[in-house]
């Protein structure tokens, strides 16, 4: 239960360069997505960069407020609505940071639109094969969260099959890169200890007998 939304909004506004929207209009706008569900958010944060995300998460932890990442709200099962502080990545964090045609890889921010990446790749004779019905407006961050697929997933795989590495920030402030991990790398992570090791140990348990996470 949020007892002082005004103080939370002020604390957030003090530490980020992006936007903090706690007005009733913004709450109403973010209470819905493409589903039938409606959940009024505590408020909305629109970060300009990763440092904003880190700072805003710290404030939310101090206030013990839940958070939710959101792209363009195309989820059909209520994935992008909740009674939480909504982080909207679709306005500012929408840059393609690098596109390596030779390696056939791209580094993107979570707010990049699927077709935005496809158009950029198309100039190099490539494409991003994941194509949900909302490809002209869904974000890569949302696609990763939902493991989106589409009609060509049989050919090119689901989103999970097309992601090599993620830069992850956990609610507790832990920031790490996750991706394919050899047994030697996994053992080193365990030796280093901490939250990073705890998460990787949990991932290995979920993977069962598979040799990498």
Protein backbone atom coordinates (compact mmCIF):
# COMPACT_ATOMS: atom_id res chain seq x y z
CA UNK A 1 0.00 0.00 0.00
CA UNK A 2 1.47 3.35 -1.10
CA UNK A 3 0.89 5.88 1.65
CA UNK A 4 2.64 8.91 0.14
CA UNK A 5 2.62 8.99 -3.64
CA UNK A 6 3.58 12.67 -3.61
CA UNK A 7 6.82 12.01 -1.74
CA UNK A 8 7.63 9.07 -4.02
CA UNK A 9 7.12 11.25 -7.10
CA UNK A 10 9.32 14.02 -5.67
CA UNK A 11 12.08 11.58 -4.75
CA UNK A 12 12.02 10.13 -8.26
CA UNK A 13 12.05 13.56 -9.92
CA UNK A 14 15.13 14.53 -7.91
CA UNK A 15 17.27 11.66 -9.17
CA UNK A 16 16.40 11.12 -12.84
CA UNK A 17 16.71 13.18 -16.01
CA UNK A 18 13.67 11.55 -17.57
CA UNK A 19 10.01 12.16 -16.83
CA UNK A 20 8.00 11.35 -13.72
CA UNK A 21 4.25 11.26 -14.29
CA UNK A 22 2.01 10.69 -11.31
CA UNK A 23 -0.98 12.76 -12.47
CA UNK A 24 -4.42 11.15 -12.89
CA UNK A 25 -4.27 11.46 -16.69
CA UNK A 26 -1.05 9.47 -16.92
CA UNK A 27 -2.39 6.90 -14.49
CA UNK A 28 -5.44 6.46 -16.71
CA UNK A 29 -3.37 6.23 -19.89
CA UNK A 30 -1.14 3.50 -18.48
CA UNK A 31 -3.92 1.56 -16.76
CA UNK A 32 -4.73 -0.29 -19.98
CA UNK A 33 -2.90 -2.21 -22.67
CA UNK A 34 -4.21 -4.29 -25.60
CA UNK A 35 -5.87 -6.73 -23.19
CA UNK A 36 -9.21 -6.58 -21.42
CA UNK A 37 -7.51 -5.87 -18.09
CA UNK A 38 -7.22 -2.57 -16.25
CA UNK A 39 -4.81 -1.87 -13.40
CA UNK A 40 -4.19 1.71 -12.31
CA UNK A 41 -0.43 2.23 -11.85
CA UNK A 42 1.12 4.02 -8.89
CA UNK A 43 2.78 6.33 -11.39
CA UNK A 44 4.97 6.36 -14.48
CA UNK A 45 8.72 6.82 -14.97
CA UNK A 46 10.05 7.50 -18.46
CA UNK A 47 13.85 7.03 -18.21
CA UNK A 48 16.26 8.69 -20.64
CA UNK A 49 19.08 6.20 -20.07
CA UNK A 50 20.21 3.24 -17.98
CA UNK A 51 21.45 5.46 -15.13
CA UNK A 52 17.89 6.78 -14.78
CA UNK A 53 16.68 3.21 -14.44
CA UNK A 54 19.22 2.45 -11.72
CA UNK A 55 18.40 5.63 -9.80
CA UNK A 56 14.64 5.18 -10.09
CA UNK A 57 14.85 1.56 -8.96
CA UNK A 58 16.80 2.63 -5.89
CA UNK A 59 14.06 5.08 -4.95
CA UNK A 60 11.36 2.48 -5.52
CA UNK A 61 13.25 0.01 -3.31
CA UNK A 62 13.51 2.62 -0.57
CA UNK A 63 9.75 3.12 -0.78
CA UNK A 64 9.13 -0.64 -1.13
CA UNK A 65 7.10 -0.04 -4.27
CA UNK A 66 6.73 -2.68 -7.02
CA UNK A 67 7.86 -1.83 -10.55
CA UNK A 68 6.85 -2.93 -14.04
CA UNK A 69 8.65 -2.50 -17.37
CA UNK A 70 6.51 -1.47 -20.33
CA UNK A 71 7.01 -0.93 -24.06
CA UNK A 72 4.07 0.09 -26.22
CA UNK A 73 1.41 -1.87 -24.33
CA UNK A 74 0.61 -4.43 -27.04
CA UNK A 75 0.30 -7.35 -24.61
CA UNK A 76 -2.97 -9.30 -24.89
CA UNK A 77 -2.90 -10.86 -21.42
CA UNK A 78 -2.34 -7.84 -19.17
CA UNK A 79 1.46 -8.13 -19.15
CA UNK A 80 2.03 -4.36 -19.22
CA UNK A 81 -0.46 -3.20 -16.57
CA UNK A 82 -0.16 -3.47 -12.80
CA UNK A 83 -0.50 -1.51 -9.57
CA UNK A 84 3.18 -0.54 -9.69
CA UNK A 85 5.52 2.19 -10.87
CA UNK A 86 5.55 1.65 -14.63
CA UNK A 87 8.85 2.18 -16.45
CA UNK A 88 8.10 3.19 -20.05
CA UNK A 89 11.13 2.64 -22.30
CA UNK A 90 9.44 3.47 -25.60
CA UNK A 91 10.00 7.26 -25.65
CA UNK A 92 13.71 7.80 -25.02
CA UNK A 93 15.48 4.44 -24.78
CA UNK A 94 14.85 3.46 -28.39
CA UNK A 95 18.24 3.58 -30.09
CA UNK A 96 19.95 0.92 -32.17
CA UNK A 97 23.39 1.21 -30.60
CA UNK A 98 25.22 -1.00 -33.08
CA UNK A 99 24.42 -3.14 -36.12
CA UNK A 100 27.18 -5.46 -37.28
CA UNK A 101 26.19 -6.87 -40.66
CA UNK A 102 29.15 -9.22 -40.81
CA UNK A 103 28.43 -10.76 -37.39
CA UNK A 104 24.67 -10.47 -38.02
CA UNK A 105 24.14 -8.94 -34.61
CA UNK A 106 22.60 -5.75 -33.25
CA UNK A 107 22.79 -4.02 -29.87
CA UNK A 108 19.55 -2.23 -29.05
CA UNK A 109 17.86 -0.40 -26.21
CA UNK A 110 14.62 -1.94 -24.88
CA UNK A 111 12.38 0.66 -26.50
CA UNK A 112 13.44 -0.09 -30.08
CA UNK A 113 10.43 -1.02 -32.24
CA UNK A 114 10.59 -4.36 -34.05
CA UNK A 115 10.16 -2.76 -37.49
CA UNK A 116 12.75 -0.13 -36.62
CA UNK A 117 15.32 -2.91 -36.26
CA UNK A 118 14.03 -4.72 -39.33
CA UNK A 119 14.29 -1.60 -41.47
CA UNK A 120 17.86 -0.95 -40.30
CA UNK A 121 18.83 -4.57 -40.89
CA UNK A 122 17.14 -4.51 -44.30
CA UNK A 123 19.60 -1.87 -45.47
CA UNK A 124 22.30 -4.51 -44.94
CA UNK A 125 20.34 -7.27 -46.68
CA UNK A 126 19.31 -8.77 -43.34
CA UNK A 127 16.20 -8.96 -41.21
CA UNK A 128 15.01 -9.73 -37.70
CA UNK A 129 12.85 -12.78 -38.32
CA UNK A 130 10.59 -12.55 -35.26
CA UNK A 131 7.37 -10.97 -36.50
CA UNK A 132 4.43 -10.73 -34.09
CA UNK A 133 1.26 -9.18 -35.47
CA UNK A 134 2.15 -5.89 -33.74
CA UNK A 135 5.62 -5.69 -35.36
CA UNK A 136 5.11 -2.06 -36.37
CA UNK A 137 4.73 -0.93 -32.76
CA UNK A 138 5.91 -3.58 -30.28
CA UNK A 139 9.28 -2.99 -28.59
CA UNK A 140 12.21 -5.39 -28.37
CA UNK A 141 12.09 -5.21 -24.57
CA UNK A 142 8.48 -6.29 -24.58
CA UNK A 143 9.19 -9.02 -27.12
CA UNK A 144 11.94 -10.39 -24.87
CA UNK A 145 9.65 -10.30 -21.84
CA UNK A 146 6.90 -12.15 -23.73
CA UNK A 147 9.18 -14.35 -25.86
CA UNK A 148 7.25 -13.17 -28.91
CA UNK A 149 7.16 -15.22 -32.06
CA UNK A 150 4.83 -14.78 -35.06
CA UNK A 151 4.15 -16.55 -38.34
CA UNK A 152 7.81 -16.89 -39.31
CA UNK A 153 8.97 -18.36 -36.00
CA UNK A 154 9.15 -21.81 -37.61
CA UNK A 155 11.80 -20.40 -39.94
CA UNK A 156 13.67 -17.96 -37.69
CA UNK A 157 12.77 -19.00 -34.16
CA UNK A 158 11.11 -17.16 -31.29
CA UNK A 159 12.62 -14.09 -29.61
CA UNK A 160 14.57 -16.27 -27.17
CA UNK A 161 16.27 -17.95 -30.13
CA UNK A 162 17.47 -14.58 -31.42
CA UNK A 163 18.88 -13.04 -28.23
CA UNK A 164 22.58 -13.53 -27.49
CA UNK A 165 23.11 -11.39 -24.40
CA UNK A 166 21.14 -9.14 -22.06
CA UNK A 167 22.20 -6.27 -19.82
CA UNK A 168 19.98 -6.88 -16.81
CA UNK A 169 19.16 -4.69 -13.82
CA UNK A 170 17.38 -6.52 -11.01
CA UNK A 171 15.02 -4.89 -8.54
CA UNK A 172 17.64 -5.16 -5.81
CA UNK A 173 20.08 -3.09 -7.90
CA UNK A 174 22.19 -5.98 -9.19
CA UNK A 175 23.38 -5.28 -12.72
CA UNK A 176 24.88 -8.00 -14.87
CA UNK A 177 25.18 -9.37 -18.37
CA UNK A 178 23.56 -12.74 -18.99
CA UNK A 179 23.93 -15.06 -21.94
CA UNK A 180 25.44 -18.39 -22.95
CA UNK A 181 27.78 -19.45 -20.15
CA UNK A 182 30.41 -22.18 -20.30
CA UNK A 183 30.99 -24.50 -17.35
CA UNK A 184 34.26 -22.70 -16.58
CA UNK A 185 32.54 -19.31 -16.59
CA UNK A 186 29.73 -20.67 -14.44
CA UNK A 187 32.17 -22.01 -11.85
CA UNK A 188 33.95 -18.64 -11.73
CA UNK A 189 30.64 -16.87 -11.14
CA UNK A 190 29.94 -19.24 -8.24
CA UNK A 191 33.38 -18.55 -6.78
CA UNK A 192 32.78 -14.80 -7.00
CA UNK A 193 29.61 -15.27 -4.98
CA UNK A 194 26.91 -12.69 -4.28
CA UNK A 195 23.58 -12.11 -5.94
CA UNK A 196 25.06 -12.80 -9.38
CA UNK A 197 26.03 -16.31 -8.31
CA UNK A 198 22.66 -16.88 -6.62
CA UNK A 199 20.79 -16.02 -9.83
CA UNK A 200 23.04 -18.17 -12.01
CA UNK A 201 22.72 -21.10 -9.61
CA UNK A 202 18.94 -20.78 -9.88
CA UNK A 203 19.16 -20.67 -13.67
CA UNK A 204 21.30 -23.81 -13.70
CA UNK A 205 18.73 -25.55 -11.51
CA UNK A 206 15.98 -24.55 -13.95
CA UNK A 207 18.07 -25.80 -16.88
CA UNK A 208 18.41 -29.19 -15.22
CA UNK A 209 20.92 -31.42 -16.95
CA UNK A 210 21.77 -28.91 -19.68
CA UNK A 211 25.45 -27.95 -19.69
CA UNK A 212 24.97 -24.19 -20.07
CA UNK A 213 22.50 -21.53 -18.89
